Amino acid sequence: TGAGWRTCRRDTIRDVAISAPAGPRYPDPVDPPTLDALLALIR
């Protein structure tokens, strides 16, 4: 939202299977900078 994460949908699932690269191919998720933090950079 520019200030945090808003839940759009939530449900329960079963029989989950996950496949992902073994190596550090992708960066860890990090929250985007907030609008307040971005405004501080241009002021």
Full PDB file with SEQRES, HELIX, SHEET, SSBOND, CRYST1, ORIGX, SCALE, CONECT and MASTER records, all heavy atoms in Angstrom:
SEQRES   1 A   43  THR GLY ALA GLY TRP ARG THR CYS ARG ARG ASP THR ILE          
SEQRES   2 A   43  ARG ASP VAL ALA ILE SER ALA PRO ALA GLY PRO ARG TYR          
SEQRES   3 A   43  PRO ASP PRO VAL ASP PRO PRO THR LEU ASP ALA LEU LEU          
SEQRES   4 A   43  ALA LEU ILE ARG                                              
HELIX    1 AA1 LEU A   35  ILE A   42  1                                   8    
CRYST1    1.000    1.000    1.000  90.00  90.00  90.00 P 1           1          
ORIGX1      1.000000  0.000000  0.000000        0.00000                         
ORIGX2      0.000000  1.000000  0.000000        0.00000                         
ORIGX3      0.000000  0.000000  1.000000        0.00000                         
SCALE1      1.000000  0.000000  0.000000        0.00000                         
SCALE2      0.000000  1.000000  0.000000        0.00000                         
SCALE3      0.000000  0.000000  1.000000        0.00000                         
ATOM      1  N   THR A   1       0.800  -1.225   0.000  1.00  0.00           N  
ATOM      2  CA  THR A   1       0.000   0.000   0.000  1.00  0.00           C  
ATOM      3  C   THR A   1       0.829   1.268   0.000  1.00  0.00           C  
ATOM      4  O   THR A   1       0.287   2.363  -0.145  1.00  0.00           O  
ATOM      5  CB  THR A   1      -0.918   0.029   1.234  1.00  0.00           C  
ATOM      6  OG1 THR A   1      -0.097   0.152   2.424  1.00  0.00           O  
ATOM      7  CG2 THR A   1      -1.776  -1.224   1.333  1.00  0.00           C  
ATOM      8  N   GLY A   2       2.139   1.130   0.171  1.00  0.00           N  
ATOM      9  CA  GLY A   2       2.993   2.299   0.345  1.00  0.00           C  
ATOM     10  C   GLY A   2       3.362   2.512   1.793  1.00  0.00           C  
ATOM     11  O   GLY A   2       4.282   3.264   2.115  1.00  0.00           O  
ATOM     12  N   ALA A   3       2.626   1.850   2.697  1.00  0.00           N  
ATOM     13  CA  ALA A   3       2.930   1.931   4.121  1.00  0.00           C  
ATOM     14  C   ALA A   3       3.073   0.541   4.744  1.00  0.00           C  
ATOM     15  O   ALA A   3       3.633   0.397   5.824  1.00  0.00           O  
ATOM     16  CB  ALA A   3       1.842   2.707   4.859  1.00  0.00           C  
ATOM     17  N   GLY A   4       2.565  -0.475   4.071  1.00  0.00           N  
ATOM     18  CA  GLY A   4       2.622  -1.838   4.588  1.00  0.00           C  
ATOM     19  C   GLY A   4       1.889  -2.782   3.649  1.00  0.00           C  
ATOM     20  O   GLY A   4       1.429  -2.398   2.572  1.00  0.00           O  
ATOM     21  N   TRP A   5       1.781  -4.044   4.071  1.00  0.00           N  
ATOM     22  CA  TRP A   5       1.123  -5.057   3.252  1.00  0.00           C  
ATOM     23  C   TRP A   5      -0.343  -5.192   3.636  1.00  0.00           C  
ATOM     24  O   TRP A   5      -0.683  -5.266   4.814  1.00  0.00           O  
ATOM     25  CB  TRP A   5       1.823  -6.410   3.415  1.00  0.00           C  
ATOM     26  CG  TRP A   5       3.209  -6.429   2.852  1.00  0.00           C  
ATOM     27  CD1 TRP A   5       4.380  -6.347   3.552  1.00  0.00           C  
ATOM     28  CD2 TRP A   5       3.568  -6.538   1.470  1.00  0.00           C  
ATOM     29  NE1 TRP A   5       5.447  -6.392   2.695  1.00  0.00           N  
ATOM     30  CE2 TRP A   5       4.990  -6.516   1.411  1.00  0.00           C  
ATOM     31  CE3 TRP A   5       2.847  -6.653   0.281  1.00  0.00           C  
ATOM     32  CZ2 TRP A   5       5.689  -6.603   0.225  1.00  0.00           C  
ATOM     33  CZ3 TRP A   5       3.555  -6.746  -0.916  1.00  0.00           C  
ATOM     34  CH2 TRP A   5       4.945  -6.726  -0.932  1.00  0.00           C  
ATOM     35  N   ARG A   6      -1.203  -5.256   2.632  1.00  0.00           N  
ATOM     36  CA  ARG A   6      -2.642  -5.428   2.846  1.00  0.00           C  
ATOM     37  C   ARG A   6      -3.052  -6.794   2.295  1.00  0.00           C  
ATOM     38  O   ARG A   6      -2.730  -7.149   1.159  1.00  0.00           O  
ATOM     39  CB  ARG A   6      -3.418  -4.324   2.117  1.00  0.00           C  
ATOM     40  CG  ARG A   6      -4.937  -4.477   2.168  1.00  0.00           C  
ATOM     41  CD  ARG A   6      -5.603  -3.301   1.465  1.00  0.00           C  
ATOM     42  NE  ARG A   6      -5.321  -3.286   0.035  1.00  0.00           N  
ATOM     43  CZ  ARG A   6      -6.042  -3.941  -0.879  1.00  0.00           C  
ATOM     44  NH1 ARG A   6      -7.068  -4.689  -0.498  1.00  0.00           N  
ATOM     45  NH2 ARG A   6      -5.727  -3.858  -2.161  1.00  0.00           N  
ATOM     46  N   THR A   7      -3.747  -7.578   3.116  1.00  0.00           N  
ATOM     47  CA  THR A   7      -4.199  -8.898   2.689  1.00  0.00           C  
ATOM     48  C   THR A   7      -5.388  -8.749   1.742  1.00  0.00           C  
ATOM     49  O   THR A   7      -6.410  -8.159   2.093  1.00  0.00           O  
ATOM     50  CB  THR A   7      -4.593  -9.759   3.898  1.00  0.00           C  
ATOM     51  OG1 THR A   7      -3.453  -9.928   4.752  1.00  0.00           O  
ATOM     52  CG2 THR A   7      -5.079 -11.127   3.452  1.00  0.00           C  
ATOM     53  N   CYS A   8      -5.240  -9.282   0.537  1.00  0.00           N  
ATOM     54  CA  CYS A   8      -6.312  -9.228  -0.462  1.00  0.00           C  
ATOM     55  C   CYS A   8      -7.145 -10.505  -0.464  1.00  0.00           C  
ATOM     56  O   CYS A   8      -8.335 -10.480  -0.787  1.00  0.00           O  
ATOM     57  CB  CYS A   8      -5.728  -9.015  -1.856  1.00  0.00           C  
ATOM     58  SG  CYS A   8      -4.731  -7.531  -2.043  1.00  0.00           S  
ATOM     59  N   ARG A   9      -6.509 -11.613  -0.101  1.00  0.00           N  
ATOM     60  CA  ARG A   9      -7.206 -12.894  -0.139  1.00  0.00           C  
ATOM     61  C   ARG A   9      -6.554 -13.843   0.838  1.00  0.00           C  
ATOM     62  O   ARG A   9      -5.335 -13.811   1.029  1.00  0.00           O  
ATOM     63  CB  ARG A   9      -7.169 -13.473  -1.561  1.00  0.00           C  
ATOM     64  CG  ARG A   9      -7.858 -14.821  -1.711  1.00  0.00           C  
ATOM     65  CD  ARG A   9      -7.724 -15.328  -3.141  1.00  0.00           C  
ATOM     66  NE  ARG A   9      -8.319 -16.648  -3.299  1.00  0.00           N  
ATOM     67  CZ  ARG A   9      -8.263 -17.374  -4.399  1.00  0.00           C  
ATOM     68  NH1 ARG A   9      -7.637 -16.885  -5.461  1.00  0.00           N  
ATOM     69  NH2 ARG A   9      -8.814 -18.568  -4.474  1.00  0.00           N  
ATOM     70  N   ARG A  10      -7.375 -14.676   1.457  1.00  0.00           N  
ATOM     71  CA  ARG A  10      -6.862 -15.674   2.405  1.00  0.00           C  
ATOM     72  C   ARG A  10      -7.725 -16.934   2.293  1.00  0.00           C  
ATOM     73  O   ARG A  10      -8.958 -16.848   2.279  1.00  0.00           O  
ATOM     74  CB  ARG A  10      -6.921 -15.118   3.830  1.00  0.00           C  
ATOM     75  CG  ARG A  10      -6.412 -16.081   4.904  1.00  0.00           C  
ATOM     76  CD  ARG A  10      -6.828 -15.609   6.285  1.00  0.00           C  
ATOM     77  NE  ARG A  10      -6.331 -14.293   6.575  1.00  0.00           N  
ATOM     78  CZ  ARG A  10      -5.219 -14.047   7.260  1.00  0.00           C  
ATOM     79  NH1 ARG A  10      -4.496 -15.061   7.711  1.00  0.00           N  
ATOM     80  NH2 ARG A  10      -4.834 -12.815   7.496  1.00  0.00           N  
ATOM     81  N   ASP A  11      -7.078 -18.103   2.208  1.00  0.00           N  
ATOM     82  CA  ASP A  11      -7.828 -19.350   2.197  1.00  0.00           C  
ATOM     83  C   ASP A  11      -6.940 -20.475   2.705  1.00  0.00           C  
ATOM     84  O   ASP A  11      -5.746 -20.285   2.951  1.00  0.00           O  
ATOM     85  CB  ASP A  11      -8.397 -19.668   0.815  1.00  0.00           C  
ATOM     86  CG  ASP A  11      -7.312 -19.741  -0.258  1.00  0.00           C  
ATOM     87  OD1 ASP A  11      -6.119 -19.666   0.092  1.00  0.00           O  
ATOM     88  OD2 ASP A  11      -7.661 -19.860  -1.443  1.00  0.00           O  
ATOM     89  N   THR A  12      -7.509 -21.657   2.887  1.00  0.00           N  
ATOM     90  CA  THR A  12      -6.791 -22.826   3.382  1.00  0.00           C  
ATOM     91  C   THR A  12      -6.594 -23.809   2.244  1.00  0.00           C  
ATOM     92  O   THR A  12      -7.531 -24.085   1.470  1.00  0.00           O  
ATOM     93  CB  THR A  12      -7.573 -23.497   4.520  1.00  0.00           C  
ATOM     94  OG1 THR A  12      -7.731 -22.565   5.598  1.00  0.00           O  
ATOM     95  CG2 THR A  12      -6.831 -24.725   5.028  1.00  0.00           C  
ATOM     96  N   ILE A  13      -5.371 -24.305   2.096  1.00  0.00           N  
ATOM     97  CA  ILE A  13      -5.057 -25.255   1.031  1.00  0.00           C  
ATOM     98  C   ILE A  13      -4.395 -26.490   1.637  1.00  0.00           C  
ATOM     99  O   ILE A  13      -3.873 -26.460   2.754  1.00  0.00           O  
ATOM    100  CB  ILE A  13      -4.134 -24.627  -0.031  1.00  0.00           C  
ATOM    101  CG1 ILE A  13      -2.838 -24.105   0.620  1.00  0.00           C  
ATOM    102  CG2 ILE A  13      -4.847 -23.485  -0.748  1.00  0.00           C  
ATOM    103  CD1 ILE A  13      -1.844 -23.540  -0.380  1.00  0.00           C  
ATOM    104  N   ARG A  14      -4.429 -27.611   0.879  1.00  0.00           N  
ATOM    105  CA  ARG A  14      -3.834 -28.866   1.337  1.00  0.00           C  
ATOM    106  C   ARG A  14      -2.969 -29.461   0.232  1.00  0.00           C  
ATOM    107  O   ARG A  14      -2.974 -28.998  -0.906  1.00  0.00           O  
ATOM    108  CB  ARG A  14      -4.931 -29.856   1.752  1.00  0.00           C  
ATOM    109  CG  ARG A  14      -5.780 -29.373   2.927  1.00  0.00           C  
ATOM    110  CD  ARG A  14      -6.862 -30.375   3.292  1.00  0.00           C  
ATOM    111  NE  ARG A  14      -7.672 -29.892   4.399  1.00  0.00           N  
ATOM    112  CZ  ARG A  14      -7.356 -30.041   5.680  1.00  0.00           C  
ATOM    113  NH1 ARG A  14      -6.228 -30.683   6.008  1.00  0.00           N  
ATOM    114  NH2 ARG A  14      -8.135 -29.574   6.628  1.00  0.00           N  
ATOM    115  N   ASP A  15      -2.252 -30.508   0.584  1.00  0.00           N  
ATOM    116  CA  ASP A  15      -1.404 -31.236  -0.368  1.00  0.00           C  
ATOM    117  C   ASP A  15      -0.427 -30.300  -1.082  1.00  0.00           C  
ATOM    118  O   ASP A  15      -0.325 -30.276  -2.312  1.00  0.00           O  
ATOM    119  CB  ASP A  15      -2.269 -31.972  -1.397  1.00  0.00           C  
ATOM    120  CG  ASP A  15      -3.207 -32.979  -0.750  1.00  0.00           C  
ATOM    121  OD1 ASP A  15      -2.798 -33.581   0.257  1.00  0.00           O  
ATOM    122  OD2 ASP A  15      -4.346 -33.138  -1.235  1.00  0.00           O  
ATOM    123  N   VAL A  16       0.299 -29.512  -0.294  1.00  0.00           N  
ATOM    124  CA  VAL A  16       1.245 -28.546  -0.852  1.00  0.00           C  
ATOM    125  C   VAL A  16       2.554 -29.232  -1.224  1.00  0.00           C  
ATOM    126  O   VAL A  16       3.104 -30.020  -0.445  1.00  0.00           O  
ATOM    127  CB  VAL A  16       1.507 -27.401   0.150  1.00  0.00           C  
ATOM    128  CG1 VAL A  16       2.605 -26.482  -0.361  1.00  0.00           C  
ATOM    129  CG2 VAL A  16       0.224 -26.617   0.401  1.00  0.00           C  
ATOM    130  N   ALA A  17       3.031 -28.962  -2.418  1.00  0.00           N  
ATOM    131  CA  ALA A  17       4.348 -29.431  -2.857  1.00  0.00           C  
ATOM    132  C   ALA A  17       5.124 -28.227  -3.360  1.00  0.00           C  
ATOM    133  O   ALA A  17       4.590 -27.381  -4.075  1.00  0.00           O  
ATOM    134  CB  ALA A  17       4.208 -30.482  -3.952  1.00  0.00           C  
ATOM    135  N   ILE A  18       6.396 -28.121  -2.970  1.00  0.00           N  
ATOM    136  CA  ILE A  18       7.202 -26.942  -3.296  1.00  0.00           C  
ATOM    137  C   ILE A  18       8.508 -27.378  -3.942  1.00  0.00           C  
ATOM    138  O   ILE A  18       9.201 -28.272  -3.445  1.00  0.00           O  
ATOM    139  CB  ILE A  18       7.499 -26.105  -2.040  1.00  0.00           C  
ATOM    140  CG1 ILE A  18       6.187 -25.606  -1.420  1.00  0.00           C  
ATOM    141  CG2 ILE A  18       8.406 -24.915  -2.378  1.00  0.00           C  
ATOM    142  CD1 ILE A  18       6.380 -24.905  -0.095  1.00  0.00           C  
ATOM    143  N   SER A  19       8.858 -26.734  -5.059  1.00  0.00           N  
ATOM    144  CA  SER A  19      10.145 -26.945  -5.709  1.00  0.00           C  
ATOM    145  C   SER A  19      10.810 -25.595  -5.886  1.00  0.00           C  
ATOM    146  O   SER A  19      10.186 -24.647  -6.352  1.00  0.00           O  
ATOM    147  CB  SER A  19       9.954 -27.619  -7.078  1.00  0.00           C  
ATOM    148  OG  SER A  19      11.195 -27.743  -7.749  1.00  0.00           O  
ATOM    149  N   ALA A  20      12.080 -25.479  -5.486  1.00  0.00           N  
ATOM    150  CA  ALA A  20      12.803 -24.207  -5.577  1.00  0.00           C  
ATOM    151  C   ALA A  20      14.270 -24.497  -5.846  1.00  0.00           C  
ATOM    152  O   ALA A  20      14.765 -25.580  -5.517  1.00  0.00           O  
ATOM    153  CB  ALA A  20      12.642 -23.406  -4.283  1.00  0.00           C  
ATOM    154  N   PRO A  21      14.996 -23.538  -6.466  1.00  0.00           N  
ATOM    155  CA  PRO A  21      16.432 -23.748  -6.713  1.00  0.00           C  
ATOM    156  C   PRO A  21      17.177 -24.003  -5.420  1.00  0.00           C  
ATOM    157  O   PRO A  21      16.887 -23.387  -4.381  1.00  0.00           O  
ATOM    158  CB  PRO A  21      16.871 -22.430  -7.360  1.00  0.00           C  
ATOM    159  CG  PRO A  21      15.611 -21.843  -7.913  1.00  0.00           C  
ATOM    160  CD  PRO A  21      14.515 -22.260  -6.984  1.00  0.00           C  
ATOM    161  N   ALA A  22      18.131 -24.916  -5.462  1.00  0.00           N  
ATOM    162  CA  ALA A  22      18.889 -25.240  -4.257  1.00  0.00           C  
ATOM    163  C   ALA A  22      19.850 -24.126  -3.879  1.00  0.00           C  
ATOM    164  O   ALA A  22      20.097 -23.873  -2.708  1.00  0.00           O  
ATOM    165  CB  ALA A  22      19.657 -26.543  -4.464  1.00  0.00           C  
ATOM    166  N   GLY A  23      20.397 -23.433  -4.878  1.00  0.00           N  
ATOM    167  CA  GLY A  23      21.355 -22.364  -4.611  1.00  0.00           C  
ATOM    168  C   GLY A  23      20.680 -21.031  -4.372  1.00  0.00           C  
ATOM    169  O   GLY A  23      19.482 -20.872  -4.614  1.00  0.00           O  
ATOM    170  N   PRO A  24      21.444 -20.026  -3.905  1.00  0.00           N  
ATOM    171  CA  PRO A  24      20.895 -18.676  -3.645  1.00  0.00           C  
ATOM    172  C   PRO A  24      20.689 -17.906  -4.945  1.00  0.00           C  
ATOM    173  O   PRO A  24      21.334 -16.889  -5.196  1.00  0.00           O  
ATOM    174  CB  PRO A  24      21.951 -18.027  -2.758  1.00  0.00           C  
ATOM    175  CG  PRO A  24      23.238 -18.686  -3.179  1.00  0.00           C  
ATOM    176  CD  PRO A  24      22.871 -20.110  -3.539  1.00  0.00           C  
ATOM    177  N   ARG A  25      19.765 -18.410  -5.796  1.00  0.00           N  
ATOM    178  CA  ARG A  25      19.572 -17.793  -7.107  1.00  0.00           C  
ATOM    179  C   ARG A  25      18.771 -16.503  -7.002  1.00  0.00           C  
ATOM    180  O   ARG A  25      18.971 -15.564  -7.776  1.00  0.00           O  
ATOM    181  CB  ARG A  25      18.859 -18.786  -8.021  1.00  0.00           C  
ATOM    182  CG  ARG A  25      18.570 -18.259  -9.421  1.00  0.00           C  
ATOM    183  CD  ARG A  25      17.914 -19.345 -10.268  1.00  0.00           C  
ATOM    184  NE  ARG A  25      17.542 -18.846 -11.578  1.00  0.00           N  
ATOM    185  CZ  ARG A  25      16.893 -19.559 -12.492  1.00  0.00           C  
ATOM    186  NH1 ARG A  25      16.564 -20.813 -12.218  1.00  0.00           N  
ATOM    187  NH2 ARG A  25      16.579 -19.040 -13.658  1.00  0.00           N  
ATOM    188  N   TYR A  26      17.843 -16.446  -6.049  1.00  0.00           N  
ATOM    189  CA  TYR A  26      16.978 -15.282  -5.909  1.00  0.00           C  
ATOM    190  C   TYR A  26      17.219 -14.617  -4.554  1.00  0.00           C  
ATOM    191  O   TYR A  26      17.517 -15.286  -3.568  1.00  0.00           O  
ATOM    192  CB  TYR A  26      15.509 -15.684  -6.034  1.00  0.00           C  
ATOM    193  CG  TYR A  26      15.168 -16.311  -7.361  1.00  0.00           C  
ATOM    194  CD1 TYR A  26      15.047 -17.690  -7.493  1.00  0.00           C  
ATOM    195  CD2 TYR A  26      14.991 -15.519  -8.493  1.00  0.00           C  
ATOM    196  CE1 TYR A  26      14.751 -18.269  -8.724  1.00  0.00           C  
ATOM    197  CE2 TYR A  26      14.688 -16.086  -9.723  1.00  0.00           C  
ATOM    198  CZ  TYR A  26      14.571 -17.461  -9.836  1.00  0.00           C  
ATOM    199  OH  TYR A  26      14.283 -18.019 -11.049  1.00  0.00           O  
ATOM    200  N   PRO A  27      17.091 -13.288  -4.478  1.00  0.00           N  
ATOM    201  CA  PRO A  27      17.297 -12.599  -3.193  1.00  0.00           C  
ATOM    202  C   PRO A  27      16.144 -12.872  -2.237  1.00  0.00           C  
ATOM    203  O   PRO A  27      15.049 -13.266  -2.639  1.00  0.00           O  
ATOM    204  CB  PRO A  27      17.337 -11.114  -3.597  1.00  0.00           C  
ATOM    205  CG  PRO A  27      16.516 -11.042  -4.847  1.00  0.00           C  
ATOM    206  CD  PRO A  27      16.775 -12.341  -5.580  1.00  0.00           C  
ATOM    207  N   ASP A  28      16.400 -12.663  -0.958  1.00  0.00           N  
ATOM    208  CA  ASP A  28      15.346 -12.790   0.043  1.00  0.00           C  
ATOM    209  C   ASP A  28      14.349 -11.650  -0.112  1.00  0.00           C  
ATOM    210  O   ASP A  28      14.736 -10.519  -0.447  1.00  0.00           O  
ATOM    211  CB  ASP A  28      15.935 -12.750   1.458  1.00  0.00           C  
ATOM    212  CG  ASP A  28      16.807 -13.968   1.750  1.00  0.00           C  
ATOM    213  OD1 ASP A  28      16.563 -15.029   1.131  1.00  0.00           O  
ATOM    214  OD2 ASP A  28      17.725 -13.854   2.584  1.00  0.00           O  
ATOM    215  N   PRO A  29      13.053 -11.915   0.110  1.00  0.00           N  
ATOM    216  CA  PRO A  29      12.062 -10.838   0.008  1.00  0.00           C  
ATOM    217  C   PRO A  29      12.331  -9.737   1.033  1.00  0.00           C  
ATOM    218  O   PRO A  29      12.631 -10.011   2.199  1.00  0.00           O  
ATOM    219  CB  PRO A  29      10.732 -11.551   0.306  1.00  0.00           C  
ATOM    220  CG  PRO A  29      10.999 -12.999   0.049  1.00  0.00           C  
ATOM    221  CD  PRO A  29      12.439 -13.213   0.413  1.00  0.00           C  
ATOM    222  N   VAL A  30      12.240  -8.500   0.585  1.00  0.00           N  
ATOM    223  CA  VAL A  30      12.407  -7.331   1.449  1.00  0.00           C  
ATOM    224  C   VAL A  30      11.287  -6.349   1.134  1.00  0.00           C  
ATOM    225  O   VAL A  30      10.950  -6.130  -0.031  1.00  0.00           O  
ATOM    226  CB  VAL A  30      13.776  -6.642   1.221  1.00  0.00           C  
ATOM    227  CG1 VAL A  30      13.876  -5.368   2.044  1.00  0.00           C  
ATOM    228  CG2 VAL A  30      14.911  -7.590   1.580  1.00  0.00           C  
ATOM    229  N   ASP A  31      10.688  -5.765   2.173  1.00  0.00           N  
ATOM    230  CA  ASP A  31       9.623  -4.800   1.940  1.00  0.00           C  
ATOM    231  C   ASP A  31      10.132  -3.630   1.109  1.00  0.00           C  
ATOM    232  O   ASP A  31      11.243  -3.132   1.332  1.00  0.00           O  
ATOM    233  CB  ASP A  31       9.089  -4.254   3.264  1.00  0.00           C  
ATOM    234  CG  ASP A  31       8.239  -5.274   4.004  1.00  0.00           C  
ATOM    235  OD1 ASP A  31       7.991  -6.361   3.436  1.00  0.00           O  
ATOM    236  OD2 ASP A  31       7.823  -4.982   5.147  1.00  0.00           O  
ATOM    237  N   PRO A  32       9.338  -3.147   0.152  1.00  0.00           N  
ATOM    238  CA  PRO A  32       9.726  -1.937  -0.585  1.00  0.00           C  
ATOM    239  C   PRO A  32       9.802  -0.754   0.382  1.00  0.00           C  
ATOM    240  O   PRO A  32       9.197  -0.779   1.452  1.00  0.00           O  
ATOM    241  CB  PRO A  32       8.578  -1.750  -1.589  1.00  0.00           C  
ATOM    242  CG  PRO A  32       7.892  -3.079  -1.659  1.00  0.00           C  
ATOM    243  CD  PRO A  32       8.053  -3.696  -0.316  1.00  0.00           C  
ATOM    244  N   PRO A  33      10.535   0.303   0.029  1.00  0.00           N  
ATOM    245  CA  PRO A  33      10.557   1.492   0.891  1.00  0.00           C  
ATOM    246  C   PRO A  33       9.161   2.110   0.973  1.00  0.00           C  
ATOM    247  O   PRO A  33       8.412   2.110  -0.009  1.00  0.00           O  
ATOM    248  CB  PRO A  33      11.545   2.430   0.187  1.00  0.00           C  
ATOM    249  CG  PRO A  33      11.639   1.920  -1.223  1.00  0.00           C  
ATOM    250  CD  PRO A  33      11.388   0.458  -1.162  1.00  0.00           C  
ATOM    251  N   THR A  34       8.802   2.603   2.134  1.00  0.00           N  
ATOM    252  CA  THR A  34       7.494   3.234   2.307  1.00  0.00           C  
ATOM    253  C   THR A  34       7.455   4.575   1.592  1.00  0.00           C  
ATOM    254  O   THR A  34       8.495   5.151   1.255  1.00  0.00           O  
ATOM    255  CB  THR A  34       7.181   3.443   3.788  1.00  0.00           C  
ATOM    256  OG1 THR A  34       8.138   4.377   4.344  1.00  0.00           O  
ATOM    257  CG2 THR A  34       7.253   2.139   4.570  1.00  0.00           C  
ATOM    258  N   LEU A  35       6.241   5.080   1.375  1.00  0.00           N  
ATOM    259  CA  LEU A  35       6.113   6.402   0.762  1.00  0.00           C  
ATOM    260  C   LEU A  35       6.778   7.469   1.620  1.00  0.00           C  
ATOM    261  O   LEU A  35       7.406   8.396   1.093  1.00  0.00           O  
ATOM    262  CB  LEU A  35       4.632   6.737   0.564  1.00  0.00           C  
ATOM    263  CG  LEU A  35       3.917   5.949  -0.545  1.00  0.00           C  
ATOM    264  CD1 LEU A  35       2.430   6.251  -0.539  1.00  0.00           C  
ATOM    265  CD2 LEU A  35       4.517   6.269  -1.914  1.00  0.00           C  
ATOM    266  N   ASP A  36       6.669   7.351   2.941  1.00  0.00           N  
ATOM    267  CA  ASP A  36       7.313   8.329   3.831  1.00  0.00           C  
ATOM    268  C   ASP A  36       8.824   8.321   3.640  1.00  0.00           C  
ATOM    269  O   ASP A  36       9.466   9.386   3.614  1.00  0.00           O  
ATOM    270  CB  ASP A  36       6.972   8.019   5.295  1.00  0.00           C  
ATOM    271  CG  ASP A  36       5.560   8.445   5.660  1.00  0.00           C  
ATOM    272  OD1 ASP A  36       4.966   9.256   4.919  1.00  0.00           O  
ATOM    273  OD2 ASP A  36       5.040   7.961   6.679  1.00  0.00           O  
ATOM    274  N   ALA A  37       9.413   7.120   3.521  1.00  0.00           N  
ATOM    275  CA  ALA A  37      10.870   7.035   3.341  1.00  0.00           C  
ATOM    276  C   ALA A  37      11.289   7.626   1.995  1.00  0.00           C  
ATOM    277  O   ALA A  37      12.311   8.312   1.898  1.00  0.00           O  
ATOM    278  CB  ALA A  37      11.323   5.578   3.435  1.00  0.00           C  
ATOM    279  N   LEU A  38      10.479   7.402   0.955  1.00  0.00           N  
ATOM    280  CA  LEU A  38      10.796   7.957  -0.358  1.00  0.00           C  
ATOM    281  C   LEU A  38      10.653   9.475  -0.370  1.00  0.00           C  
ATOM    282  O   LEU A  38      11.475  10.187  -0.966  1.00  0.00           O  
ATOM    283  CB  LEU A  38       9.881   7.338  -1.421  1.00  0.00           C  
ATOM    284  CG  LEU A  38      10.105   5.844  -1.700  1.00  0.00           C  
ATOM    285  CD1 LEU A  38       9.027   5.311  -2.623  1.00  0.00           C  
ATOM    286  CD2 LEU A  38      11.487   5.612  -2.299  1.00  0.00           C  
ATOM    287  N   LEU A  39       9.621   9.986   0.304  1.00  0.00           N  
ATOM    288  CA  LEU A  39       9.436  11.440   0.354  1.00  0.00           C  
ATOM    289  C   LEU A  39      10.606  12.112   1.078  1.00  0.00           C  
ATOM    290  O   LEU A  39      11.018  13.217   0.710  1.00  0.00           O  
ATOM    291  CB  LEU A  39       8.122  11.780   1.062  1.00  0.00           C  
ATOM    292  CG  LEU A  39       6.837  11.431   0.300  1.00  0.00           C  
ATOM    293  CD1 LEU A  39       5.611  11.732   1.158  1.00  0.00           C  
ATOM    294  CD2 LEU A  39       6.762  12.197  -1.015  1.00  0.00           C  
ATOM    295  N   ALA A  40      11.141  11.433   2.099  1.00  0.00           N  
ATOM    296  CA  ALA A  40      12.280  12.007   2.834  1.00  0.00           C  
ATOM    297  C   ALA A  40      13.494  12.171   1.926  1.00  0.00           C  
ATOM    298  O   ALA A  40      14.317  13.073   2.134  1.00  0.00           O  
ATOM    299  CB  ALA A  40      12.631  11.121   4.029  1.00  0.00           C  
ATOM    300  N   LEU A  41      13.599  11.320   0.895  1.00  0.00           N  
ATOM    301  CA  LEU A  41      14.755  11.392  -0.003  1.00  0.00           C  
ATOM    302  C   LEU A  41      14.663  12.553  -0.984  1.00  0.00           C  
ATOM    303  O   LEU A  41      15.688  13.035  -1.474  1.00  0.00           O  
ATOM    304  CB  LEU A  41      14.894  10.083  -0.782  1.00  0.00           C  
ATOM    305  CG  LEU A  41      15.242   8.840   0.033  1.00  0.00           C  
ATOM    306  CD1 LEU A  41      15.289   7.616  -0.856  1.00  0.00           C  
ATOM    307  CD2 LEU A  41      16.567   9.015   0.766  1.00  0.00           C  
ATOM    308  N   ILE A  42      13.448  13.017  -1.303  1.00  0.00           N  
ATOM    309  CA  ILE A  42      13.334  14.101  -2.291  1.00  0.00           C  
ATOM    310  C   ILE A  42      13.160  15.468  -1.632  1.00  0.00           C  
ATOM    311  O   ILE A  42      13.379  16.494  -2.275  1.00  0.00           O  
ATOM    312  CB  ILE A  42      12.186  13.837  -3.285  1.00  0.00           C  
ATOM    313  CG1 ILE A  42      10.810  13.979  -2.608  1.00  0.00           C  
ATOM    314  CG2 ILE A  42      12.316  12.478  -3.919  1.00  0.00           C  
ATOM    315  CD1 ILE A  42       9.646  13.953  -3.575  1.00  0.00           C  
ATOM    316  N   ARG A  43      12.748  15.486  -0.373  1.00  0.00           N  
ATOM    317  CA  ARG A  43      12.561  16.781   0.299  1.00  0.00           C  
ATOM    318  C   ARG A  43      13.905  17.489   0.462  1.00  0.00           C  
ATOM    319  O   ARG A  43      14.917  16.874   0.772  1.00  0.00           O  
ATOM    320  CB  ARG A  43      11.906  16.602   1.665  1.00  0.00           C  
ATOM    321  CG  ARG A  43      10.460  16.109   1.606  1.00  0.00           C  
ATOM    322  CD  ARG A  43       9.835  16.103   2.985  1.00  0.00           C  
ATOM    323  NE  ARG A  43       8.526  15.479   3.015  1.00  0.00           N  
ATOM    324  CZ  ARG A  43       7.394  16.095   2.710  1.00  0.00           C  
ATOM    325  NH1 ARG A  43       7.436  17.363   2.337  1.00  0.00           N  
ATOM    326  NH2 ARG A  43       6.243  15.456   2.766  1.00  0.00           N  
TER     327      ARG A  43                                                      
MASTER        0    0    0    1    0    0    0    6  326    1    0    4          
END                                                                             
